[in-house]
Amino acid sequence: MRNHYFEEKSTLVSALKKRILENLESGIQIRGSSVLVVSGGSTPRALFEALSQSVLDWHLVTIVLADERWVSADDENSNESFVRATLLLNSYRCLITTLILK
């Protein structure tokens, strides 16, 4: 595994955005759909907002919440609410679900 170091947060966000979009687009081309597993919290805000501005067939992407809190989706502490307000800000036709591990 190779480490990557970034001087600026904006450079990190741009690199992650590019890599994520490449992987999502590849999944769409190969399988006709793609999956993105995300965590909530405030850390990914800048990345989610950058991704939300991207041109992508978001209706072909399923967003999976890896660490949803056990609160209603409209609760201010809900990761789903956070993802909808940032990552899905400009995309209204994306399936969002929660990963439940037993």
PDB file of N, CA and C in Angstrom:
ATOM      1  N   MET A   1       0.835  -1.170   0.000  1.00  0.00           N
ATOM      2  CA  MET A   1       0.000   0.000   0.000  1.00  0.00           C
ATOM      3  C   MET A   1       0.887   1.243   0.000  1.00  0.00           C
ATOM      4  N   ARG A   2       0.472   2.224  -0.764  1.00  0.00           N
ATOM      5  CA  ARG A   2       1.241   3.451  -0.906  1.00  0.00           C
ATOM      6  C   ARG A   2       0.560   4.585  -0.141  1.00  0.00           C
ATOM      7  N   ASN A   3       1.315   5.338   0.614  1.00  0.00           N
ATOM      8  CA  ASN A   3       0.783   6.492   1.335  1.00  0.00           C
ATOM      9  C   ASN A   3       0.767   7.720   0.437  1.00  0.00           C
ATOM     10  N   HIS A   4      -0.231   8.539   0.617  1.00  0.00           N
ATOM     11  CA  HIS A   4      -0.331   9.794  -0.123  1.00  0.00           C
ATOM     12  C   HIS A   4      -0.410  10.925   0.891  1.00  0.00           C
ATOM     13  N   TYR A   5       0.330  11.986   0.640  1.00  0.00           N
ATOM     14  CA  TYR A   5       0.349  13.135   1.530  1.00  0.00           C
ATOM     15  C   TYR A   5      -0.108  14.361   0.765  1.00  0.00           C
ATOM     16  N   PHE A   6      -0.911  15.178   1.404  1.00  0.00           N
ATOM     17  CA  PHE A   6      -1.466  16.362   0.770  1.00  0.00           C
ATOM     18  C   PHE A   6      -1.203  17.573   1.647  1.00  0.00           C
ATOM     19  N   GLU A   7      -0.710  18.625   1.030  1.00  0.00           N
ATOM     20  CA  GLU A   7      -0.433  19.870   1.750  1.00  0.00           C
ATOM     21  C   GLU A   7      -1.719  20.614   2.082  1.00  0.00           C
ATOM     22  N   GLU A   8      -2.692  20.534   1.200  1.00  0.00           N
ATOM     23  CA  GLU A   8      -3.932  21.291   1.340  1.00  0.00           C
ATOM     24  C   GLU A   8      -5.131  20.340   1.357  1.00  0.00           C
ATOM     25  N   LYS A   9      -6.123  20.681   2.152  1.00  0.00           N
ATOM     26  CA  LYS A   9      -7.352  19.889   2.195  1.00  0.00           C
ATOM     27  C   LYS A   9      -8.032  19.863   0.830  1.00  0.00           C
ATOM     28  N   SER A  10      -7.999  20.972   0.113  1.00  0.00           N
ATOM     29  CA  SER A  10      -8.651  21.040  -1.197  1.00  0.00           C
ATOM     30  C   SER A  10      -8.012  20.080  -2.196  1.00  0.00           C
ATOM     31  N   THR A  11      -6.714  19.883  -2.095  1.00  0.00           N
ATOM     32  CA  THR A  11      -6.012  18.944  -2.975  1.00  0.00           C
ATOM     33  C   THR A  11      -6.419  17.509  -2.641  1.00  0.00           C
ATOM     34  N   LEU A  12      -6.540  17.226  -1.366  1.00  0.00           N
ATOM     35  CA  LEU A  12      -6.997  15.907  -0.929  1.00  0.00           C
ATOM     36  C   LEU A  12      -8.415  15.639  -1.438  1.00  0.00           C
ATOM     37  N   VAL A  13      -9.298  16.602  -1.260  1.00  0.00           N
ATOM     38  CA  VAL A  13     -10.682  16.448  -1.698  1.00  0.00           C
ATOM     39  C   VAL A  13     -10.745  16.211  -3.204  1.00  0.00           C
ATOM     40  N   SER A  14      -9.978  16.966  -3.976  1.00  0.00           N
ATOM     41  CA  SER A  14      -9.961  16.802  -5.437  1.00  0.00           C
ATOM     42  C   SER A  14      -9.482  15.414  -5.841  1.00  0.00           C
ATOM     43  N   ALA A  15      -8.422  14.931  -5.183  1.00  0.00           N
ATOM     44  CA  ALA A  15      -7.888  13.603  -5.504  1.00  0.00           C
ATOM     45  C   ALA A  15      -8.883  12.501  -5.152  1.00  0.00           C
ATOM     46  N   LEU A  16      -9.503  12.610  -3.987  1.00  0.00           N
ATOM     47  CA  LEU A  16     -10.494  11.612  -3.585  1.00  0.00           C
ATOM     48  C   LEU A  16     -11.710  11.640  -4.502  1.00  0.00           C
ATOM     49  N   LYS A  17     -12.176  12.829  -4.821  1.00  0.00           N
ATOM     50  CA  LYS A  17     -13.329  12.980  -5.716  1.00  0.00           C
ATOM     51  C   LYS A  17     -13.052  12.300  -7.054  1.00  0.00           C
ATOM     52  N   LYS A  18     -11.885  12.565  -7.621  1.00  0.00           N
ATOM     53  CA  LYS A  18     -11.508  11.983  -8.912  1.00  0.00           C
ATOM     54  C   LYS A  18     -11.496  10.455  -8.830  1.00  0.00           C
ATOM     55  N   ARG A  19     -10.895   9.924  -7.806  1.00  0.00           N
ATOM     56  CA  ARG A  19     -10.775   8.463  -7.646  1.00  0.00           C
ATOM     57  C   ARG A  19     -12.150   7.819  -7.448  1.00  0.00           C
ATOM     58  N   ILE A  20     -12.970   8.420  -6.606  1.00  0.00           N
ATOM     59  CA  ILE A  20     -14.306   7.888  -6.348  1.00  0.00           C
ATOM     60  C   ILE A  20     -15.146   7.908  -7.617  1.00  0.00           C
ATOM     61  N   LEU A  21     -15.122   9.029  -8.335  1.00  0.00           N
ATOM     62  CA  LEU A  21     -15.909   9.129  -9.567  1.00  0.00           C
ATOM     63  C   LEU A  21     -15.443   8.111 -10.605  1.00  0.00           C
ATOM     64  N   GLU A  22     -14.142   7.906 -10.729  1.00  0.00           N
ATOM     65  CA  GLU A  22     -13.625   6.900 -11.659  1.00  0.00           C
ATOM     66  C   GLU A  22     -14.160   5.516 -11.305  1.00  0.00           C
ATOM     67  N   ASN A  23     -14.153   5.179 -10.024  1.00  0.00           N
ATOM     68  CA  ASN A  23     -14.637   3.863  -9.591  1.00  0.00           C
ATOM     69  C   ASN A  23     -16.142   3.721  -9.785  1.00  0.00           C
ATOM     70  N   LEU A  24     -16.904   4.768  -9.469  1.00  0.00           N
ATOM     71  CA  LEU A  24     -18.350   4.714  -9.664  1.00  0.00           C
ATOM     72  C   LEU A  24     -18.693   4.575 -11.144  1.00  0.00           C
ATOM     73  N   GLU A  25     -18.026   5.351 -11.983  1.00  0.00           N
ATOM     74  CA  GLU A  25     -18.276   5.289 -13.424  1.00  0.00           C
ATOM     75  C   GLU A  25     -17.896   3.929 -13.987  1.00  0.00           C
ATOM     76  N   SER A  26     -16.815   3.355 -13.496  1.00  0.00           N
ATOM     77  CA  SER A  26     -16.401   2.025 -13.935  1.00  0.00           C
ATOM     78  C   SER A  26     -17.467   0.990 -13.574  1.00  0.00           C
ATOM     79  N   GLY A  27     -17.980   1.062 -12.354  1.00  0.00           N
ATOM     80  CA  GLY A  27     -19.035   0.143 -11.933  1.00  0.00           C
ATOM     81  C   GLY A  27     -20.278   0.277 -12.794  1.00  0.00           C
ATOM     82  N   ILE A  28     -20.635   1.502 -13.127  1.00  0.00           N
ATOM     83  CA  ILE A  28     -21.808   1.744 -13.970  1.00  0.00           C
ATOM     84  C   ILE A  28     -21.593   1.169 -15.362  1.00  0.00           C
ATOM     85  N   GLN A  29     -20.401   1.368 -15.917  1.00  0.00           N
ATOM     86  CA  GLN A  29     -20.111   0.848 -17.255  1.00  0.00           C
ATOM     87  C   GLN A  29     -20.097  -0.681 -17.278  1.00  0.00           C
ATOM     88  N   ILE A  30     -19.533  -1.288 -16.250  1.00  0.00           N
ATOM     89  CA  ILE A  30     -19.392  -2.748 -16.226  1.00  0.00           C
ATOM     90  C   ILE A  30     -20.685  -3.452 -15.831  1.00  0.00           C
ATOM     91  N   ARG A  31     -21.355  -2.947 -14.779  1.00  0.00           N
ATOM     92  CA  ARG A  31     -22.517  -3.644 -14.215  1.00  0.00           C
ATOM     93  C   ARG A  31     -23.840  -2.912 -14.413  1.00  0.00           C
ATOM     94  N   GLY A  32     -23.781  -1.697 -14.872  1.00  0.00           N
ATOM     95  CA  GLY A  32     -25.002  -0.913 -15.048  1.00  0.00           C
ATOM     96  C   GLY A  32     -25.424  -0.169 -13.791  1.00  0.00           C
ATOM     97  N   SER A  33     -24.674  -0.334 -12.714  1.00  0.00           N
ATOM     98  CA  SER A  33     -24.934   0.374 -11.469  1.00  0.00           C
ATOM     99  C   SER A  33     -23.664   0.340 -10.623  1.00  0.00           C
ATOM    100  N   SER A  34     -23.681   1.123  -9.542  1.00  0.00           N
ATOM    101  CA  SER A  34     -22.520   1.170  -8.678  1.00  0.00           C
ATOM    102  C   SER A  34     -22.966   1.399  -7.245  1.00  0.00           C
ATOM    103  N   VAL A  35     -22.084   1.121  -6.300  1.00  0.00           N
ATOM    104  CA  VAL A  35     -22.381   1.276  -4.878  1.00  0.00           C
ATOM    105  C   VAL A  35     -21.274   2.103  -4.241  1.00  0.00           C
ATOM    106  N   LEU A  36     -21.670   3.031  -3.374  1.00  0.00           N
ATOM    107  CA  LEU A  36     -20.723   3.842  -2.618  1.00  0.00           C
ATOM    108  C   LEU A  36     -21.076   3.719  -1.146  1.00  0.00           C
ATOM    109  N   VAL A  37     -20.156   3.178  -0.348  1.00  0.00           N
ATOM    110  CA  VAL A  37     -20.362   3.047   1.091  1.00  0.00           C
ATOM    111  C   VAL A  37     -19.710   4.251   1.758  1.00  0.00           C
ATOM    112  N   VAL A  38     -20.499   4.966   2.561  1.00  0.00           N
ATOM    113  CA  VAL A  38     -19.997   6.188   3.192  1.00  0.00           C
ATOM    114  C   VAL A  38     -20.247   6.168   4.692  1.00  0.00           C
ATOM    115  N   SER A  39     -19.429   6.905   5.393  1.00  0.00           N
ATOM    116  CA  SER A  39     -19.629   7.154   6.816  1.00  0.00           C
ATOM    117  C   SER A  39     -20.183   8.552   6.975  1.00  0.00           C
ATOM    118  N   GLY A  40     -20.822   8.771   8.082  1.00  0.00           N
ATOM    119  CA  GLY A  40     -21.369  10.092   8.355  1.00  0.00           C
ATOM    120  C   GLY A  40     -20.374  10.916   9.149  1.00  0.00           C
ATOM    121  N   GLY A  41     -20.895  11.812   9.926  1.00  0.00           N
ATOM    122  CA  GLY A  41     -20.036  12.711  10.688  1.00  0.00           C
ATOM    123  C   GLY A  41     -19.607  13.871   9.824  1.00  0.00           C
ATOM    124  N   SER A  42     -18.974  14.825  10.418  1.00  0.00           N
ATOM    125  CA  SER A  42     -18.621  16.046   9.684  1.00  0.00           C
ATOM    126  C   SER A  42     -17.344  15.927   8.856  1.00  0.00           C
ATOM    127  N   THR A  43     -16.535  14.923   9.085  1.00  0.00           N
ATOM    128  CA  THR A  43     -15.254  14.795   8.380  1.00  0.00           C
ATOM    129  C   THR A  43     -15.393  14.781   6.854  1.00  0.00           C
ATOM    130  N   PRO A  44     -16.324  14.018   6.274  1.00  0.00           N
ATOM    131  CA  PRO A  44     -16.391  13.970   4.806  1.00  0.00           C
ATOM    132  C   PRO A  44     -17.194  15.107   4.156  1.00  0.00           C
ATOM    133  N   ARG A  45     -17.587  16.138   4.891  1.00  0.00           N
ATOM    134  CA  ARG A  45     -18.442  17.191   4.348  1.00  0.00           C
ATOM    135  C   ARG A  45     -17.895  17.784   3.050  1.00  0.00           C
ATOM    136  N   ALA A  46     -16.647  18.230   3.041  1.00  0.00           N
ATOM    137  CA  ALA A  46     -16.076  18.872   1.847  1.00  0.00           C
ATOM    138  C   ALA A  46     -16.067  17.915   0.657  1.00  0.00           C
ATOM    139  N   LEU A  47     -15.741  16.647   0.902  1.00  0.00           N
ATOM    140  CA  LEU A  47     -15.741  15.652  -0.173  1.00  0.00           C
ATOM    141  C   LEU A  47     -17.149  15.431  -0.696  1.00  0.00           C
ATOM    142  N   PHE A  48     -18.114  15.271   0.188  1.00  0.00           N
ATOM    143  CA  PHE A  48     -19.500  15.054  -0.234  1.00  0.00           C
ATOM    144  C   PHE A  48     -20.016  16.236  -1.047  1.00  0.00           C
ATOM    145  N   GLU A  49     -19.716  17.444  -0.595  1.00  0.00           N
ATOM    146  CA  GLU A  49     -20.169  18.632  -1.327  1.00  0.00           C
ATOM    147  C   GLU A  49     -19.520  18.710  -2.708  1.00  0.00           C
ATOM    148  N   ALA A  50     -18.249  18.345  -2.798  1.00  0.00           N
ATOM    149  CA  ALA A  50     -17.563  18.330  -4.097  1.00  0.00           C
ATOM    150  C   ALA A  50     -18.168  17.272  -5.017  1.00  0.00           C
ATOM    151  N   LEU A  51     -18.418  16.086  -4.480  1.00  0.00           N
ATOM    152  CA  LEU A  51     -19.026  15.022  -5.281  1.00  0.00           C
ATOM    153  C   LEU A  51     -20.423  15.407  -5.755  1.00  0.00           C
ATOM    154  N   SER A  52     -21.148  16.142  -4.933  1.00  0.00           N
ATOM    155  CA  SER A  52     -22.524  16.511  -5.289  1.00  0.00           C
ATOM    156  C   SER A  52     -22.575  17.416  -6.517  1.00  0.00           C
ATOM    157  N   GLN A  53     -21.474  18.070  -6.821  1.00  0.00           N
ATOM    158  CA  GLN A  53     -21.397  18.951  -7.990  1.00  0.00           C
ATOM    159  C   GLN A  53     -20.993  18.196  -9.254  1.00  0.00           C
ATOM    160  N   SER A  54     -20.695  16.917  -9.110  1.00  0.00           N
ATOM    161  CA  SER A  54     -20.180  16.123 -10.223  1.00  0.00           C
ATOM    162  C   SER A  54     -21.284  15.630 -11.146  1.00  0.00           C
ATOM    163  N   VAL A  55     -20.948  15.558 -12.416  1.00  0.00           N
ATOM    164  CA  VAL A  55     -21.855  14.990 -13.399  1.00  0.00           C
ATOM    165  C   VAL A  55     -21.670  13.477 -13.370  1.00  0.00           C
ATOM    166  N   LEU A  56     -22.729  12.783 -12.963  1.00  0.00           N
ATOM    167  CA  LEU A  56     -22.708  11.332 -12.851  1.00  0.00           C
ATOM    168  C   LEU A  56     -24.153  10.863 -12.878  1.00  0.00           C
ATOM    169  N   ASP A  57     -24.387   9.690 -13.380  1.00  0.00           N
ATOM    170  CA  ASP A  57     -25.732   9.112 -13.357  1.00  0.00           C
ATOM    171  C   ASP A  57     -26.030   8.619 -11.940  1.00  0.00           C
ATOM    172  N   TRP A  58     -26.288   9.565 -11.042  1.00  0.00           N
ATOM    173  CA  TRP A  58     -26.474   9.233  -9.633  1.00  0.00           C
ATOM    174  C   TRP A  58     -27.640   8.284  -9.413  1.00  0.00           C
ATOM    175  N   HIS A  59     -28.612   8.272 -10.302  1.00  0.00           N
ATOM    176  CA  HIS A  59     -29.735   7.348 -10.136  1.00  0.00           C
ATOM    177  C   HIS A  59     -29.297   5.893 -10.303  1.00  0.00           C
ATOM    178  N   LEU A  60     -28.075   5.677 -10.799  1.00  0.00           N
ATOM    179  CA  LEU A  60     -27.527   4.330 -10.941  1.00  0.00           C
ATOM    180  C   LEU A  60     -26.591   3.967  -9.783  1.00  0.00           C
ATOM    181  N   VAL A  61     -26.531   4.839  -8.781  1.00  0.00           N
ATOM    182  CA  VAL A  61     -25.643   4.643  -7.633  1.00  0.00           C
ATOM    183  C   VAL A  61     -26.473   4.395  -6.379  1.00  0.00           C
ATOM    184  N   THR A  62     -26.125   3.355  -5.643  1.00  0.00           N
ATOM    185  CA  THR A  62     -26.718   3.102  -4.335  1.00  0.00           C
ATOM    186  C   THR A  62     -25.737   3.583  -3.283  1.00  0.00           C
ATOM    187  N   ILE A  63     -26.200   4.457  -2.411  1.00  0.00           N
ATOM    188  CA  ILE A  63     -25.379   4.943  -1.306  1.00  0.00           C
ATOM    189  C   ILE A  63     -25.704   4.090  -0.086  1.00  0.00           C
ATOM    190  N   VAL A  64     -24.669   3.506   0.518  1.00  0.00           N
ATOM    191  CA  VAL A  64     -24.843   2.676   1.705  1.00  0.00           C
ATOM    192  C   VAL A  64     -24.218   3.404   2.890  1.00  0.00           C
ATOM    193  N   LEU A  65     -24.999   3.565   3.947  1.00  0.00           N
ATOM    194  CA  LEU A  65     -24.505   4.180   5.174  1.00  0.00           C
ATOM    195  C   LEU A  65     -23.848   3.108   6.031  1.00  0.00           C
ATOM    196  N   ALA A  66     -22.559   3.248   6.255  1.00  0.00           N
ATOM    197  CA  ALA A  66     -21.813   2.227   6.996  1.00  0.00           C
ATOM    198  C   ALA A  66     -22.004   2.336   8.499  1.00  0.00           C
ATOM    199  N   ASP A  67     -22.407   3.504   8.970  1.00  0.00           N
ATOM    200  CA  ASP A  67     -22.454   3.698  10.420  1.00  0.00           C
ATOM    201  C   ASP A  67     -23.630   4.568  10.859  1.00  0.00           C
ATOM    202  N   GLU A  68     -24.797   4.285  10.333  1.00  0.00           N
ATOM    203  CA  GLU A  68     -25.965   5.093  10.695  1.00  0.00           C
ATOM    204  C   GLU A  68     -26.279   4.969  12.175  1.00  0.00           C
ATOM    205  N   ARG A  69     -26.683   6.068  12.736  1.00  0.00           N
ATOM    206  CA  ARG A  69     -27.126   6.078  14.128  1.00  0.00           C
ATOM    207  C   ARG A  69     -28.572   5.595  14.167  1.00  0.00           C
ATOM    208  N   TRP A  70     -29.000   5.073  15.281  1.00  0.00           N
ATOM    209  CA  TRP A  70     -30.360   4.577  15.415  1.00  0.00           C
ATOM    210  C   TRP A  70     -31.288   5.720  15.808  1.00  0.00           C
ATOM    211  N   VAL A  71     -31.439   6.653  14.868  1.00  0.00           N
ATOM    212  CA  VAL A  71     -32.355   7.788  15.020  1.00  0.00           C
ATOM    213  C   VAL A  71     -33.135   7.902  13.720  1.00  0.00           C
ATOM    214  N   SER A  72     -34.224   8.642  13.735  1.00  0.00           N
ATOM    215  CA  SER A  72     -35.005   8.792  12.502  1.00  0.00           C
ATOM    216  C   SER A  72     -34.211   9.588  11.478  1.00  0.00           C
ATOM    217  N   ALA A  73     -34.542   9.400  10.221  1.00  0.00           N
ATOM    218  CA  ALA A  73     -33.797  10.038   9.122  1.00  0.00           C
ATOM    219  C   ALA A  73     -33.856  11.556   9.178  1.00  0.00           C
ATOM    220  N   ASP A  74     -34.868  12.129   9.813  1.00  0.00           N
ATOM    221  CA  ASP A  74     -34.959  13.587   9.878  1.00  0.00           C
ATOM    222  C   ASP A  74     -34.349  14.167  11.157  1.00  0.00           C
ATOM    223  N   ASP A  75     -33.785  13.319  12.008  1.00  0.00           N
ATOM    224  CA  ASP A  75     -33.116  13.780  13.223  1.00  0.00           C
ATOM    225  C   ASP A  75     -31.826  14.504  12.850  1.00  0.00           C
ATOM    226  N   GLU A  76     -31.485  15.550  13.577  1.00  0.00           N
ATOM    227  CA  GLU A  76     -30.273  16.324  13.270  1.00  0.00           C
ATOM    228  C   GLU A  76     -28.991  15.514  13.440  1.00  0.00           C
ATOM    229  N   ASN A  77     -29.045  14.404  14.178  1.00  0.00           N
ATOM    230  CA  ASN A  77     -27.887  13.533  14.360  1.00  0.00           C
ATOM    231  C   ASN A  77     -27.837  12.383  13.360  1.00  0.00           C
ATOM    232  N   SER A  78     -28.766  12.348  12.443  1.00  0.00           N
ATOM    233  CA  SER A  78     -28.829  11.271  11.468  1.00  0.00           C
ATOM    234  C   SER A  78     -27.766  11.440  10.388  1.00  0.00           C
ATOM    235  N   ASN A  79     -27.023  10.366  10.139  1.00  0.00           N
ATOM    236  CA  ASN A  79     -26.055  10.387   9.043  1.00  0.00           C
ATOM    237  C   ASN A  79     -26.773  10.446   7.697  1.00  0.00           C
ATOM    238  N   GLU A  80     -27.936   9.798   7.615  1.00  0.00           N
ATOM    239  CA  GLU A  80     -28.701   9.865   6.367  1.00  0.00           C
ATOM    240  C   GLU A  80     -29.065  11.304   6.043  1.00  0.00           C
ATOM    241  N   SER A  81     -29.510  12.034   7.028  1.00  0.00           N
ATOM    242  CA  SER A  81     -29.853  13.438   6.835  1.00  0.00           C
ATOM    243  C   SER A  81     -28.633  14.229   6.359  1.00  0.00           C
ATOM    244  N   PHE A  82     -27.480  13.967   6.972  1.00  0.00           N
ATOM    245  CA  PHE A  82     -26.237  14.635   6.582  1.00  0.00           C
ATOM    246  C   PHE A  82     -25.858  14.310   5.136  1.00  0.00           C
ATOM    247  N   VAL A  83     -25.946  13.037   4.760  1.00  0.00           N
ATOM    248  CA  VAL A  83     -25.609  12.620   3.397  1.00  0.00           C
ATOM    249  C   VAL A  83     -26.563  13.260   2.388  1.00  0.00           C
ATOM    250  N   ARG A  84     -27.837  13.291   2.704  1.00  0.00           N
ATOM    251  CA  ARG A  84     -28.811  13.924   1.806  1.00  0.00           C
ATOM    252  C   ARG A  84     -28.545  15.420   1.645  1.00  0.00           C
ATOM    253  N   ALA A  85     -28.103  16.080   2.709  1.00  0.00           N
ATOM    254  CA  ALA A  85     -27.872  17.529   2.674  1.00  0.00           C
ATOM    255  C   ALA A  85     -26.533  17.907   2.048  1.00  0.00           C
ATOM    256  N   THR A  86     -25.642  16.947   1.878  1.00  0.00           N
ATOM    257  CA  THR A  86     -24.320  17.261   1.323  1.00  0.00           C
ATOM    258  C   THR A  86     -24.071  16.491   0.022  1.00  0.00           C
ATOM    259  N   LEU A  87     -23.898  15.195   0.114  1.00  0.00           N
ATOM    260  CA  LEU A  87     -23.592  14.365  -1.052  1.00  0.00           C
ATOM    261  C   LEU A  87     -24.732  14.353  -2.070  1.00  0.00           C
ATOM    262  N   LEU A  88     -25.960  14.269  -1.595  1.00  0.00           N
ATOM    263  CA  LEU A  88     -27.104  14.164  -2.499  1.00  0.00           C
ATOM    264  C   LEU A  88     -27.810  15.493  -2.706  1.00  0.00           C
ATOM    265  N   LEU A  89     -27.154  16.555  -2.359  1.00  0.00           N
ATOM    266  CA  LEU A  89     -27.736  17.897  -2.456  1.00  0.00           C
ATOM    267  C   LEU A  89     -28.290  18.180  -3.848  1.00  0.00           C
ATOM    268  N   ASN A  90     -27.586  17.777  -4.878  1.00  0.00           N
ATOM    269  CA  ASN A  90     -27.988  18.059  -6.256  1.00  0.00           C
ATOM    270  C   ASN A  90     -28.494  16.827  -6.993  1.00  0.00           C
ATOM    271  N   SER A  91     -28.679  15.735  -6.280  1.00  0.00           N
ATOM    272  CA  SER A  91     -29.145  14.493  -6.884  1.00  0.00           C
ATOM    273  C   SER A  91     -30.338  13.983  -6.098  1.00  0.00           C
ATOM    274  N   TYR A  92     -31.473  13.954  -6.702  1.00  0.00           N
ATOM    275  CA  TYR A  92     -32.686  13.587  -5.994  1.00  0.00           C
ATOM    276  C   TYR A  92     -33.145  12.168  -6.294  1.00  0.00           C
ATOM    277  N   ARG A  93     -32.433  11.432  -7.126  1.00  0.00           N
ATOM    278  CA  ARG A  93     -32.895  10.098  -7.510  1.00  0.00           C
ATOM    279  C   ARG A  93     -31.865   9.029  -7.170  1.00  0.00           C
ATOM    280  N   CYS A  94     -31.353   9.048  -5.990  1.00  0.00           N
ATOM    281  CA  CYS A  94     -30.347   8.081  -5.581  1.00  0.00           C
ATOM    282  C   CYS A  94     -30.884   7.238  -4.430  1.00  0.00           C
ATOM    283  N   LEU A  95     -30.705   5.946  -4.509  1.00  0.00           N
ATOM    284  CA  LEU A  95     -31.133   5.050  -3.436  1.00  0.00           C
ATOM    285  C   LEU A  95     -30.144   5.147  -2.289  1.00  0.00           C
ATOM    286  N   ILE A  96     -30.668   5.299  -1.094  1.00  0.00           N
ATOM    287  CA  ILE A  96     -29.812   5.350   0.086  1.00  0.00           C
ATOM    288  C   ILE A  96     -30.267   4.262   1.038  1.00  0.00           C
ATOM    289  N   THR A  97     -29.323   3.508   1.569  1.00  0.00           N
ATOM    290  CA  THR A  97     -29.653   2.389   2.436  1.00  0.00           C
ATOM    291  C   THR A  97     -28.616   2.293   3.540  1.00  0.00           C
ATOM    292  N   THR A  98     -28.866   1.459   4.518  1.00  0.00           N
ATOM    293  CA  THR A  98     -27.967   1.286   5.633  1.00  0.00           C
ATOM    294  C   THR A  98     -27.402  -0.124   5.634  1.00  0.00           C
ATOM    295  N   LEU A  99     -26.118  -0.231   5.837  1.00  0.00           N
ATOM    296  CA  LEU A  99     -25.445  -1.523   5.925  1.00  0.00           C
ATOM    297  C   LEU A  99     -25.631  -2.063   7.337  1.00  0.00           C
ATOM    298  N   ILE A 100     -26.236  -3.219   7.435  1.00  0.00           N
ATOM    299  CA  ILE A 100     -26.451  -3.832   8.752  1.00  0.00           C
ATOM    300  C   ILE A 100     -25.668  -5.132   8.801  1.00  0.00           C
ATOM    301  N   LEU A 101     -24.743  -5.182   9.724  1.00  0.00           N
ATOM    302  CA  LEU A 101     -23.927  -6.382   9.894  1.00  0.00           C
ATOM    303  C   LEU A 101     -24.393  -7.127  11.127  1.00  0.00           C
ATOM    304  N   LYS A 102     -24.472  -8.444  11.019  1.00  0.00           N
ATOM    305  CA  LYS A 102     -24.881  -9.257  12.164  1.00  0.00           C
ATOM    306  C   LYS A 102     -23.717 -10.050  12.679  1.00  0.00           C
TER     307      LYS A 102
END
